Amino acid sequence: QAQLVESGGGLVQPGGSLRLSCVVSQSIFSRHAFMGWYRQAPGKERELVASFTSGGSRTYSDSVKGRFTISRDTLTNTVYLQMNNLKPEDAGVYLCSVQYSGSVYWGQGTQVTFSS
């Protein structure tokens, strides 16, 4: 059973940084897989904020461009999301997703919240 396990969320102040991690099962960790980070905020649609396309290119939503960076480590099967200059509108549950060989896999999510 393929699994994705996220970590790294927490409480942060505006302007702060967090790095999210997603450990992906070896069986679906491929350079040819789509790998993405999504954000689910209360009352809003789930938003794709950063991804690796199946061709290996990085994409970012306009709302995070210049502040977030997606990366991956093929030795540890981990996808990262470095989030800098965080804003209150970045709050939500961040979910990692992989699309590979016709199937879509999701992690359980990690929460990002803001302190005043």
PDB file of N, CA and C in Angstrom:
ATOM      1  N   GLN A   1       0.850  -1.189   0.000  1.00  0.00           N
ATOM      2  CA  GLN A   1       0.000   0.000   0.000  1.00  0.00           C
ATOM      3  C   GLN A   1       0.888   1.242   0.000  1.00  0.00           C
ATOM      4  N   ALA A   2       0.784   2.029  -1.055  1.00  0.00           N
ATOM      5  CA  ALA A   2       1.594   3.240  -1.141  1.00  0.00           C
ATOM      6  C   ALA A   2       1.143   4.249  -0.097  1.00  0.00           C
ATOM      7  N   GLN A   3       2.118   4.949   0.487  1.00  0.00           N
ATOM      8  CA  GLN A   3       1.810   5.918   1.522  1.00  0.00           C
ATOM      9  C   GLN A   3       2.556   7.213   1.304  1.00  0.00           C
ATOM     10  N   LEU A   4       1.944   8.290   1.778  1.00  0.00           N
ATOM     11  CA  LEU A   4       2.579   9.591   1.826  1.00  0.00           C
ATOM     12  C   LEU A   4       2.396  10.108   3.251  1.00  0.00           C
ATOM     13  N   VAL A   5       3.472  10.536   3.886  1.00  0.00           N
ATOM     14  CA  VAL A   5       3.404  11.021   5.264  1.00  0.00           C
ATOM     15  C   VAL A   5       4.018  12.408   5.333  1.00  0.00           C
ATOM     16  N   GLU A   6       3.168  13.394   5.646  1.00  0.00           N
ATOM     17  CA  GLU A   6       3.626  14.778   5.746  1.00  0.00           C
ATOM     18  C   GLU A   6       4.012  15.129   7.179  1.00  0.00           C
ATOM     19  N   SER A   7       4.876  16.117   7.295  1.00  0.00           N
ATOM     20  CA  SER A   7       5.242  16.663   8.598  1.00  0.00           C
ATOM     21  C   SER A   7       5.789  18.072   8.386  1.00  0.00           C
ATOM     22  N   GLY A   8       5.976  18.788   9.490  1.00  0.00           N
ATOM     23  CA  GLY A   8       6.620  20.091   9.403  1.00  0.00           C
ATOM     24  C   GLY A   8       5.707  21.283   9.609  1.00  0.00           C
ATOM     25  N   GLY A   9       4.402  21.053   9.672  1.00  0.00           N
ATOM     26  CA  GLY A   9       3.498  22.163   9.918  1.00  0.00           C
ATOM     27  C   GLY A   9       3.609  22.639  11.361  1.00  0.00           C
ATOM     28  N   GLY A  10       2.915  23.733  11.652  1.00  0.00           N
ATOM     29  CA  GLY A  10       2.944  24.239  13.013  1.00  0.00           C
ATOM     30  C   GLY A  10       2.441  25.655  13.095  1.00  0.00           C
ATOM     31  N   LEU A  11       2.771  26.276  14.223  1.00  0.00           N
ATOM     32  CA  LEU A  11       2.375  27.646  14.502  1.00  0.00           C
ATOM     33  C   LEU A  11       3.487  28.583  14.053  1.00  0.00           C
ATOM     34  N   VAL A  12       3.153  29.608  13.330  1.00  0.00           N
ATOM     35  CA  VAL A  12       4.169  30.512  12.784  1.00  0.00           C
ATOM     36  C   VAL A  12       3.648  31.949  12.833  1.00  0.00           C
ATOM     37  N   GLN A  13       4.565  32.884  12.883  1.00  0.00           N
ATOM     38  CA  GLN A  13       4.203  34.301  12.833  1.00  0.00           C
ATOM     39  C   GLN A  13       4.307  34.817  11.403  1.00  0.00           C
ATOM     40  N   PRO A  14       3.544  35.826  11.060  1.00  0.00           N
ATOM     41  CA  PRO A  14       3.693  36.423   9.723  1.00  0.00           C
ATOM     42  C   PRO A  14       5.151  36.810   9.469  1.00  0.00           C
ATOM     43  N   GLY A  15       5.621  36.478   8.268  1.00  0.00           N
ATOM     44  CA  GLY A  15       7.017  36.721   7.923  1.00  0.00           C
ATOM     45  C   GLY A  15       7.937  35.566   8.235  1.00  0.00           C
ATOM     46  N   GLY A  16       7.429  34.583   8.940  1.00  0.00           N
ATOM     47  CA  GLY A  16       8.246  33.437   9.312  1.00  0.00           C
ATOM     48  C   GLY A  16       8.379  32.408   8.208  1.00  0.00           C
ATOM     49  N   SER A  17       9.061  31.305   8.531  1.00  0.00           N
ATOM     50  CA  SER A  17       9.323  30.243   7.565  1.00  0.00           C
ATOM     51  C   SER A  17       9.000  28.882   8.169  1.00  0.00           C
ATOM     52  N   LEU A  18       8.636  27.972   7.302  1.00  0.00           N
ATOM     53  CA  LEU A  18       8.456  26.571   7.666  1.00  0.00           C
ATOM     54  C   LEU A  18       8.930  25.724   6.496  1.00  0.00           C
ATOM     55  N   ARG A  19       9.383  24.514   6.804  1.00  0.00           N
ATOM     56  CA  ARG A  19       9.674  23.556   5.751  1.00  0.00           C
ATOM     57  C   ARG A  19       8.831  22.311   5.982  1.00  0.00           C
ATOM     58  N   LEU A  20       8.005  22.015   5.015  1.00  0.00           N
ATOM     59  CA  LEU A  20       7.172  20.823   5.064  1.00  0.00           C
ATOM     60  C   LEU A  20       7.880  19.670   4.362  1.00  0.00           C
ATOM     61  N   SER A  21       7.659  18.469   4.884  1.00  0.00           N
ATOM     62  CA  SER A  21       8.253  17.267   4.295  1.00  0.00           C
ATOM     63  C   SER A  21       7.156  16.262   3.987  1.00  0.00           C
ATOM     64  N   CYS A  22       7.354  15.511   2.948  1.00  0.00           N
ATOM     65  CA  CYS A  22       6.431  14.436   2.572  1.00  0.00           C
ATOM     66  C   CYS A  22       7.260  13.222   2.174  1.00  0.00           C
ATOM     67  N   VAL A  23       7.226  12.202   3.008  1.00  0.00           N
ATOM     68  CA  VAL A  23       7.932  10.960   2.699  1.00  0.00           C
ATOM     69  C   VAL A  23       6.999  10.087   1.871  1.00  0.00           C
ATOM     70  N   VAL A  24       7.472   9.677   0.715  1.00  0.00           N
ATOM     71  CA  VAL A  24       6.657   8.946  -0.267  1.00  0.00           C
ATOM     72  C   VAL A  24       7.150   7.508  -0.376  1.00  0.00           C
ATOM     73  N   SER A  25       6.223   6.584  -0.480  1.00  0.00           N
ATOM     74  CA  SER A  25       6.603   5.177  -0.657  1.00  0.00           C
ATOM     75  C   SER A  25       7.472   5.014  -1.891  1.00  0.00           C
ATOM     76  N   GLN A  26       8.480   4.166  -1.761  1.00  0.00           N
ATOM     77  CA  GLN A  26       9.418   3.913  -2.852  1.00  0.00           C
ATOM     78  C   GLN A  26       8.702   3.521  -4.145  1.00  0.00           C
ATOM     79  N   SER A  27       7.627   2.758  -4.028  1.00  0.00           N
ATOM     80  CA  SER A  27       6.945   2.208  -5.201  1.00  0.00           C
ATOM     81  C   SER A  27       6.334   3.276  -6.099  1.00  0.00           C
ATOM     82  N   ILE A  28       6.088   4.467  -5.571  1.00  0.00           N
ATOM     83  CA  ILE A  28       5.466   5.513  -6.384  1.00  0.00           C
ATOM     84  C   ILE A  28       6.338   6.769  -6.465  1.00  0.00           C
ATOM     85  N   PHE A  29       7.544   6.711  -5.934  1.00  0.00           N
ATOM     86  CA  PHE A  29       8.437   7.863  -6.016  1.00  0.00           C
ATOM     87  C   PHE A  29       9.232   7.738  -7.301  1.00  0.00           C
ATOM     88  N   SER A  30       8.822   8.527  -8.282  1.00  0.00           N
ATOM     89  CA  SER A  30       9.449   8.457  -9.597  1.00  0.00           C
ATOM     90  C   SER A  30       9.622   9.865 -10.140  1.00  0.00           C
ATOM     91  N   ARG A  31      10.717  10.071 -10.874  1.00  0.00           N
ATOM     92  CA  ARG A  31      10.923  11.373 -11.514  1.00  0.00           C
ATOM     93  C   ARG A  31       9.838  11.652 -12.549  1.00  0.00           C
ATOM     94  N   HIS A  32       9.135  10.593 -12.975  1.00  0.00           N
ATOM     95  CA  HIS A  32       8.104  10.756 -13.993  1.00  0.00           C
ATOM     96  C   HIS A  32       6.713  10.890 -13.385  1.00  0.00           C
ATOM     97  N   ALA A  33       6.645  10.924 -12.075  1.00  0.00           N
ATOM     98  CA  ALA A  33       5.363  11.092 -11.391  1.00  0.00           C
ATOM     99  C   ALA A  33       5.079  12.569 -11.181  1.00  0.00           C
ATOM    100  N   PHE A  34       3.794  12.932 -11.175  1.00  0.00           N
ATOM    101  CA  PHE A  34       3.399  14.265 -10.748  1.00  0.00           C
ATOM    102  C   PHE A  34       3.423  14.273  -9.216  1.00  0.00           C
ATOM    103  N   MET A  35       4.081  15.271  -8.633  1.00  0.00           N
ATOM    104  CA  MET A  35       4.136  15.401  -7.179  1.00  0.00           C
ATOM    105  C   MET A  35       3.775  16.828  -6.829  1.00  0.00           C
ATOM    106  N   GLY A  36       2.773  16.988  -5.962  1.00  0.00           N
ATOM    107  CA  GLY A  36       2.321  18.326  -5.675  1.00  0.00           C
ATOM    108  C   GLY A  36       2.000  18.565  -4.216  1.00  0.00           C
ATOM    109  N   TRP A  37       2.066  19.823  -3.835  1.00  0.00           N
ATOM    110  CA  TRP A  37       1.599  20.285  -2.531  1.00  0.00           C
ATOM    111  C   TRP A  37       0.338  21.110  -2.750  1.00  0.00           C
ATOM    112  N   TYR A  38      -0.709  20.748  -2.001  1.00  0.00           N
ATOM    113  CA  TYR A  38      -1.980  21.450  -2.055  1.00  0.00           C
ATOM    114  C   TYR A  38      -2.249  22.109  -0.704  1.00  0.00           C
ATOM    115  N   ARG A  39      -3.050  23.162  -0.745  1.00  0.00           N
ATOM    116  CA  ARG A  39      -3.458  23.844   0.481  1.00  0.00           C
ATOM    117  C   ARG A  39      -4.983  23.834   0.550  1.00  0.00           C
ATOM    118  N   GLN A  40      -5.488  23.425   1.713  1.00  0.00           N
ATOM    119  CA  GLN A  40      -6.933  23.422   1.961  1.00  0.00           C
ATOM    120  C   GLN A  40      -7.208  24.377   3.113  1.00  0.00           C
ATOM    121  N   ALA A  41      -7.793  25.523   2.797  1.00  0.00           N
ATOM    122  CA  ALA A  41      -8.153  26.497   3.826  1.00  0.00           C
ATOM    123  C   ALA A  41      -9.649  26.406   4.089  1.00  0.00           C
ATOM    124  N   PRO A  42     -10.080  26.722   5.313  1.00  0.00           N
ATOM    125  CA  PRO A  42     -11.516  26.639   5.639  1.00  0.00           C
ATOM    126  C   PRO A  42     -12.355  27.499   4.701  1.00  0.00           C
ATOM    127  N   GLY A  43     -13.395  26.892   4.140  1.00  0.00           N
ATOM    128  CA  GLY A  43     -14.298  27.634   3.280  1.00  0.00           C
ATOM    129  C   GLY A  43     -13.782  27.916   1.891  1.00  0.00           C
ATOM    130  N   LYS A  44     -12.608  27.376   1.558  1.00  0.00           N
ATOM    131  CA  LYS A  44     -12.032  27.613   0.232  1.00  0.00           C
ATOM    132  C   LYS A  44     -11.794  26.298  -0.486  1.00  0.00           C
ATOM    133  N   GLU A  45     -11.673  26.383  -1.793  1.00  0.00           N
ATOM    134  CA  GLU A  45     -11.364  25.192  -2.577  1.00  0.00           C
ATOM    135  C   GLU A  45      -9.904  24.801  -2.363  1.00  0.00           C
ATOM    136  N   ARG A  46      -9.647  23.537  -2.510  1.00  0.00           N
ATOM    137  CA  ARG A  46      -8.275  23.050  -2.413  1.00  0.00           C
ATOM    138  C   ARG A  46      -7.466  23.655  -3.561  1.00  0.00           C
ATOM    139  N   GLU A  47      -6.297  24.159  -3.215  1.00  0.00           N
ATOM    140  CA  GLU A  47      -5.468  24.883  -4.180  1.00  0.00           C
ATOM    141  C   GLU A  47      -4.122  24.196  -4.350  1.00  0.00           C
ATOM    142  N   LEU A  48      -3.716  23.983  -5.581  1.00  0.00           N
ATOM    143  CA  LEU A  48      -2.377  23.476  -5.868  1.00  0.00           C
ATOM    144  C   LEU A  48      -1.412  24.639  -5.752  1.00  0.00           C
ATOM    145  N   VAL A  49      -0.475  24.562  -4.802  1.00  0.00           N
ATOM    146  CA  VAL A  49       0.438  25.681  -4.607  1.00  0.00           C
ATOM    147  C   VAL A  49       1.802  25.445  -5.249  1.00  0.00           C
ATOM    148  N   ALA A  50       2.231  24.185  -5.354  1.00  0.00           N
ATOM    149  CA  ALA A  50       3.532  23.909  -5.958  1.00  0.00           C
ATOM    150  C   ALA A  50       3.563  22.464  -6.425  1.00  0.00           C
ATOM    151  N   SER A  51       4.309  22.214  -7.483  1.00  0.00           N
ATOM    152  CA  SER A  51       4.350  20.846  -7.986  1.00  0.00           C
ATOM    153  C   SER A  51       5.580  20.586  -8.826  1.00  0.00           C
ATOM    154  N   PHE A  52       5.890  19.309  -8.963  1.00  0.00           N
ATOM    155  CA  PHE A  52       6.758  18.794 -10.013  1.00  0.00           C
ATOM    156  C   PHE A  52       5.844  18.149 -11.042  1.00  0.00           C
ATOM    157  N   THR A  53       5.937  18.600 -12.283  1.00  0.00           N
ATOM    158  CA  THR A  53       5.168  17.948 -13.325  1.00  0.00           C
ATOM    159  C   THR A  53       5.790  16.600 -13.651  1.00  0.00           C
ATOM    160  N   SER A  54       5.092  15.786 -14.441  1.00  0.00           N
ATOM    161  CA  SER A  54       5.628  14.486 -14.832  1.00  0.00           C
ATOM    162  C   SER A  54       6.884  14.639 -15.693  1.00  0.00           C
ATOM    163  N   GLY A  55       7.079  15.817 -16.252  1.00  0.00           N
ATOM    164  CA  GLY A  55       8.285  16.081 -17.010  1.00  0.00           C
ATOM    165  C   GLY A  55       9.408  16.643 -16.171  1.00  0.00           C
ATOM    166  N   GLY A  56       9.152  16.844 -14.890  1.00  0.00           N
ATOM    167  CA  GLY A  56      10.203  17.296 -13.985  1.00  0.00           C
ATOM    168  C   GLY A  56      10.271  18.794 -13.765  1.00  0.00           C
ATOM    169  N   SER A  57       9.372  19.552 -14.383  1.00  0.00           N
ATOM    170  CA  SER A  57       9.379  21.002 -14.198  1.00  0.00           C
ATOM    171  C   SER A  57       8.681  21.371 -12.893  1.00  0.00           C
ATOM    172  N   ARG A  58       9.109  22.481 -12.324  1.00  0.00           N
ATOM    173  CA  ARG A  58       8.461  23.008 -11.123  1.00  0.00           C
ATOM    174  C   ARG A  58       7.399  24.032 -11.525  1.00  0.00           C
ATOM    175  N   THR A  59       6.267  24.000 -10.851  1.00  0.00           N
ATOM    176  CA  THR A  59       5.236  25.011 -11.055  1.00  0.00           C
ATOM    177  C   THR A  59       4.811  25.566  -9.704  1.00  0.00           C
ATOM    178  N   TYR A  60       4.357  26.821  -9.709  1.00  0.00           N
ATOM    179  CA  TYR A  60       3.902  27.484  -8.496  1.00  0.00           C
ATOM    180  C   TYR A  60       2.648  28.287  -8.795  1.00  0.00           C
ATOM    181  N   SER A  61       1.762  28.371  -7.800  1.00  0.00           N
ATOM    182  CA  SER A  61       0.621  29.258  -7.953  1.00  0.00           C
ATOM    183  C   SER A  61       1.102  30.698  -7.808  1.00  0.00           C
ATOM    184  N   ASP A  62       0.352  31.621  -8.363  1.00  0.00           N
ATOM    185  CA  ASP A  62       0.733  33.034  -8.284  1.00  0.00           C
ATOM    186  C   ASP A  62       0.806  33.504  -6.839  1.00  0.00           C
ATOM    187  N   SER A  63      -0.007  32.918  -5.977  1.00  0.00           N
ATOM    188  CA  SER A  63      -0.069  33.374  -4.589  1.00  0.00           C
ATOM    189  C   SER A  63       1.187  33.054  -3.791  1.00  0.00           C
ATOM    190  N   VAL A  64       1.995  32.092  -4.263  1.00  0.00           N
ATOM    191  CA  VAL A  64       3.192  31.695  -3.504  1.00  0.00           C
ATOM    192  C   VAL A  64       4.488  31.887  -4.283  1.00  0.00           C
ATOM    193  N   LYS A  65       4.379  32.266  -5.531  1.00  0.00           N
ATOM    194  CA  LYS A  65       5.566  32.404  -6.373  1.00  0.00           C
ATOM    195  C   LYS A  65       6.538  33.390  -5.753  1.00  0.00           C
ATOM    196  N   GLY A  66       7.797  32.990  -5.685  1.00  0.00           N
ATOM    197  CA  GLY A  66       8.830  33.845  -5.100  1.00  0.00           C
ATOM    198  C   GLY A  66       9.002  33.650  -3.609  1.00  0.00           C
ATOM    199  N   ARG A  67       8.069  32.950  -2.970  1.00  0.00           N
ATOM    200  CA  ARG A  67       8.154  32.728  -1.522  1.00  0.00           C
ATOM    201  C   ARG A  67       8.308  31.251  -1.173  1.00  0.00           C
ATOM    202  N   PHE A  68       7.714  30.371  -1.970  1.00  0.00           N
ATOM    203  CA  PHE A  68       7.752  28.928  -1.709  1.00  0.00           C
ATOM    204  C   PHE A  68       8.665  28.253  -2.725  1.00  0.00           C
ATOM    205  N   THR A  69       9.314  27.174  -2.282  1.00  0.00           N
ATOM    206  CA  THR A  69      10.161  26.382  -3.166  1.00  0.00           C
ATOM    207  C   THR A  69       9.889  24.910  -2.935  1.00  0.00           C
ATOM    208  N   ILE A  70       9.596  24.198  -4.015  1.00  0.00           N
ATOM    209  CA  ILE A  70       9.410  22.743  -3.935  1.00  0.00           C
ATOM    210  C   ILE A  70      10.720  22.079  -4.347  1.00  0.00           C
ATOM    211  N   SER A  71      11.065  21.018  -3.634  1.00  0.00           N
ATOM    212  CA  SER A  71      12.273  20.262  -3.964  1.00  0.00           C
ATOM    213  C   SER A  71      12.039  18.798  -3.587  1.00  0.00           C
ATOM    214  N   ARG A  72      12.949  17.943  -3.990  1.00  0.00           N
ATOM    215  CA  ARG A  72      12.810  16.529  -3.631  1.00  0.00           C
ATOM    216  C   ARG A  72      14.177  15.885  -3.510  1.00  0.00           C
ATOM    217  N   ASP A  73      14.215  14.850  -2.694  1.00  0.00           N
ATOM    218  CA  ASP A  73      15.437  14.104  -2.428  1.00  0.00           C
ATOM    219  C   ASP A  73      15.177  12.652  -2.836  1.00  0.00           C
ATOM    220  N   THR A  74      15.847  12.204  -3.889  1.00  0.00           N
ATOM    221  CA  THR A  74      15.610  10.848  -4.396  1.00  0.00           C
ATOM    222  C   THR A  74      16.231   9.782  -3.499  1.00  0.00           C
ATOM    223  N   LEU A  75      17.156  10.163  -2.626  1.00  0.00           N
ATOM    224  CA  LEU A  75      17.754   9.181  -1.723  1.00  0.00           C
ATOM    225  C   LEU A  75      16.810   8.824  -0.579  1.00  0.00           C
ATOM    226  N   THR A  76      16.013   9.790  -0.137  1.00  0.00           N
ATOM    227  CA  THR A  76      15.112   9.560   0.984  1.00  0.00           C
ATOM    228  C   THR A  76      13.640   9.534   0.564  1.00  0.00           C
ATOM    229  N   ASN A  77      13.385   9.633  -0.745  1.00  0.00           N
ATOM    230  CA  ASN A  77      12.002   9.623  -1.257  1.00  0.00           C
ATOM    231  C   ASN A  77      11.152  10.700  -0.587  1.00  0.00           C
ATOM    232  N   THR A  78      11.699  11.874  -0.458  1.00  0.00           N
ATOM    233  CA  THR A  78      11.019  12.952   0.251  1.00  0.00           C
ATOM    234  C   THR A  78      10.824  14.156  -0.667  1.00  0.00           C
ATOM    235  N   VAL A  79       9.631  14.722  -0.593  1.00  0.00           N
ATOM    236  CA  VAL A  79       9.324  15.975  -1.286  1.00  0.00           C
ATOM    237  C   VAL A  79       9.196  17.067  -0.236  1.00  0.00           C
ATOM    238  N   TYR A  80       9.833  18.198  -0.474  1.00  0.00           N
ATOM    239  CA  TYR A  80       9.834  19.287   0.483  1.00  0.00           C
ATOM    240  C   TYR A  80       9.086  20.500  -0.070  1.00  0.00           C
ATOM    241  N   LEU A  81       8.582  21.308   0.852  1.00  0.00           N
ATOM    242  CA  LEU A  81       8.047  22.610   0.486  1.00  0.00           C
ATOM    243  C   LEU A  81       8.621  23.622   1.479  1.00  0.00           C
ATOM    244  N   GLN A  82       9.563  24.415   1.004  1.00  0.00           N
ATOM    245  CA  GLN A  82      10.131  25.490   1.814  1.00  0.00           C
ATOM    246  C   GLN A  82       9.251  26.713   1.659  1.00  0.00           C
ATOM    247  N   MET A  83       8.743  27.205   2.770  1.00  0.00           N
ATOM    248  CA  MET A  83       7.823  28.334   2.749  1.00  0.00           C
ATOM    249  C   MET A  83       8.439  29.497   3.514  1.00  0.00           C
ATOM    250  N   ASN A  84       8.710  30.578   2.814  1.00  0.00           N
ATOM    251  CA  ASN A  84       9.306  31.762   3.414  1.00  0.00           C
ATOM    252  C   ASN A  84       8.344  32.942   3.344  1.00  0.00           C
ATOM    253  N   ASN A  85       8.615  33.934   4.183  1.00  0.00           N
ATOM    254  CA  ASN A  85       7.783  35.146   4.207  1.00  0.00           C
ATOM    255  C   ASN A  85       6.299  34.780   4.262  1.00  0.00           C
ATOM    256  N   LEU A  86       5.972  33.938   5.215  1.00  0.00           N
ATOM    257  CA  LEU A  86       4.594  33.438   5.305  1.00  0.00           C
ATOM    258  C   LEU A  86       3.622  34.547   5.659  1.00  0.00           C
ATOM    259  N   LYS A  87       2.439  34.416   5.082  1.00  0.00           N
ATOM    260  CA  LYS A  87       1.373  35.392   5.280  1.00  0.00           C
ATOM    261  C   LYS A  87       0.166  34.699   5.910  1.00  0.00           C
ATOM    262  N   PRO A  88      -0.675  35.419   6.616  1.00  0.00           N
ATOM    263  CA  PRO A  88      -1.853  34.780   7.234  1.00  0.00           C
ATOM    264  C   PRO A  88      -2.716  34.026   6.230  1.00  0.00           C
ATOM    265  N   GLU A  89      -2.754  34.480   4.995  1.00  0.00           N
ATOM    266  CA  GLU A  89      -3.555  33.779   3.981  1.00  0.00           C
ATOM    267  C   GLU A  89      -2.943  32.449   3.554  1.00  0.00           C
ATOM    268  N   ASP A  90      -1.746  32.147   4.042  1.00  0.00           N
ATOM    269  CA  ASP A  90      -1.134  30.845   3.775  1.00  0.00           C
ATOM    270  C   ASP A  90      -1.608  29.766   4.756  1.00  0.00           C
ATOM    271  N   ALA A  91      -2.415  30.146   5.723  1.00  0.00           N
ATOM    272  CA  ALA A  91      -2.888  29.179   6.718  1.00  0.00           C
ATOM    273  C   ALA A  91      -3.757  28.109   6.079  1.00  0.00           C
ATOM    274  N   GLY A  92      -3.697  26.916   6.633  1.00  0.00           N
ATOM    275  CA  GLY A  92      -4.515  25.822   6.143  1.00  0.00           C
ATOM    276  C   GLY A  92      -3.838  24.489   6.345  1.00  0.00           C
ATOM    277  N   VAL A  93      -4.481  23.457   5.847  1.00  0.00           N
ATOM    278  CA  VAL A  93      -3.889  22.122   5.854  1.00  0.00           C
ATOM    279  C   VAL A  93      -3.172  21.922   4.526  1.00  0.00           C
ATOM    280  N   TYR A  94      -1.924  21.521   4.609  1.00  0.00           N
ATOM    281  CA  TYR A  94      -1.121  21.273   3.413  1.00  0.00           C
ATOM    282  C   TYR A  94      -1.046  19.771   3.175  1.00  0.00           C
ATOM    283  N   LEU A  95      -1.428  19.383   1.968  1.00  0.00           N
ATOM    284  CA  LEU A  95      -1.459  17.970   1.613  1.00  0.00           C
ATOM    285  C   LEU A  95      -0.511  17.695   0.459  1.00  0.00           C
ATOM    286  N   CYS A  96       0.171  16.583   0.575  1.00  0.00           N
ATOM    287  CA  CYS A  96       1.061  16.111  -0.462  1.00  0.00           C
ATOM    288  C   CYS A  96       0.299  15.105  -1.329  1.00  0.00           C
ATOM    289  N   SER A  97       0.539  15.152  -2.629  1.00  0.00           N
ATOM    290  CA  SER A  97      -0.146  14.228  -3.532  1.00  0.00           C
ATOM    291  C   SER A  97       0.795  13.756  -4.624  1.00  0.00           C
ATOM    292  N   VAL A  98       0.636  12.501  -5.008  1.00  0.00           N
ATOM    293  CA  VAL A  98       1.408  11.913  -6.095  1.00  0.00           C
ATOM    294  C   VAL A  98       0.443  11.267  -7.085  1.00  0.00           C
ATOM    295  N   GLN A  99       0.658  11.543  -8.347  1.00  0.00           N
ATOM    296  CA  GLN A  99      -0.084  10.867  -9.410  1.00  0.00           C
ATOM    297  C   GLN A  99       0.901  10.017 -10.192  1.00  0.00           C
ATOM    298  N   TYR A 100       0.658   8.708 -10.197  1.00  0.00           N
ATOM    299  CA  TYR A 100       1.609   7.801 -10.829  1.00  0.00           C
ATOM    300  C   TYR A 100       0.885   6.575 -11.347  1.00  0.00           C
ATOM    301  N   SER A 101       1.178   6.235 -12.568  1.00  0.00           N
ATOM    302  CA  SER A 101       0.638   5.023 -13.180  1.00  0.00           C
ATOM    303  C   SER A 101      -0.887   4.958 -13.076  1.00  0.00           C
ATOM    304  N   GLY A 102      -1.536   6.089 -13.326  1.00  0.00           N
ATOM    305  CA  GLY A 102      -2.987   6.113 -13.376  1.00  0.00           C
ATOM    306  C   GLY A 102      -3.694   6.228 -12.046  1.00  0.00           C
ATOM    307  N   SER A 103      -2.954   6.324 -10.963  1.00  0.00           N
ATOM    308  CA  SER A 103      -3.568   6.441  -9.636  1.00  0.00           C
ATOM    309  C   SER A 103      -3.126   7.721  -8.953  1.00  0.00           C
ATOM    310  N   VAL A 104      -3.962   8.169  -8.023  1.00  0.00           N
ATOM    311  CA  VAL A 104      -3.682   9.382  -7.253  1.00  0.00           C
ATOM    312  C   VAL A 104      -3.595   9.003  -5.782  1.00  0.00           C
ATOM    313  N   TYR A 105      -2.546   9.481  -5.151  1.00  0.00           N
ATOM    314  CA  TYR A 105      -2.298   9.172  -3.745  1.00  0.00           C
ATOM    315  C   TYR A 105      -2.223  10.483  -2.960  1.00  0.00           C
ATOM    316  N   TRP A 106      -2.734  10.422  -1.711  1.00  0.00           N
ATOM    317  CA  TRP A 106      -2.755  11.608  -0.846  1.00  0.00           C
ATOM    318  C   TRP A 106      -2.194  11.261   0.529  1.00  0.00           C
ATOM    319  N   GLY A 107      -1.567  12.250   1.125  1.00  0.00           N
ATOM    320  CA  GLY A 107      -1.193  12.132   2.518  1.00  0.00           C
ATOM    321  C   GLY A 107      -2.309  12.640   3.404  1.00  0.00           C
ATOM    322  N   GLN A 108      -2.057  12.613   4.710  1.00  0.00           N
ATOM    323  CA  GLN A 108      -3.098  12.998   5.661  1.00  0.00           C
ATOM    324  C   GLN A 108      -3.113  14.497   5.918  1.00  0.00           C
ATOM    325  N   GLY A 109      -2.051  15.196   5.526  1.00  0.00           N
ATOM    326  CA  GLY A 109      -1.999  16.644   5.685  1.00  0.00           C
ATOM    327  C   GLY A 109      -1.258  17.087   6.925  1.00  0.00           C
ATOM    328  N   THR A 110      -0.753  18.306   6.867  1.00  0.00           N
ATOM    329  CA  THR A 110      -0.105  18.924   8.020  1.00  0.00           C
ATOM    330  C   THR A 110      -0.597  20.366   8.108  1.00  0.00           C
ATOM    331  N   GLN A 111      -0.903  20.799   9.316  1.00  0.00           N
ATOM    332  CA  GLN A 111      -1.586  22.073   9.536  1.00  0.00           C
ATOM    333  C   GLN A 111      -0.587  23.214   9.709  1.00  0.00           C
ATOM    334  N   VAL A 112      -0.882  24.332   9.061  1.00  0.00           N
ATOM    335  CA  VAL A 112      -0.116  25.571   9.248  1.00  0.00           C
ATOM    336  C   VAL A 112      -1.073  26.617   9.808  1.00  0.00           C
ATOM    337  N   THR A 113      -0.733  27.139  10.987  1.00  0.00           N
ATOM    338  CA  THR A 113      -1.563  28.157  11.625  1.00  0.00           C
ATOM    339  C   THR A 113      -0.693  29.344  12.017  1.00  0.00           C
ATOM    340  N   PHE A 114      -1.331  30.474  12.241  1.00  0.00           N
ATOM    341  CA  PHE A 114      -0.610  31.706  12.536  1.00  0.00           C
ATOM    342  C   PHE A 114      -0.920  32.199  13.929  1.00  0.00           C
ATOM    343  N   SER A 115       0.110  32.711  14.565  1.00  0.00           N
ATOM    344  CA  SER A 115      -0.054  33.395  15.837  1.00  0.00           C
ATOM    345  C   SER A 115      -0.001  34.894  15.574  1.00  0.00           C
ATOM    346  N   SER A 116      -0.701  35.634  16.374  1.00  0.00           N
ATOM    347  CA  SER A 116      -0.736  37.093  16.177  1.00  0.00           C
ATOM    348  C   SER A 116       0.505  37.749  16.754  1.00  0.00           C
TER     349      SER A 116
END
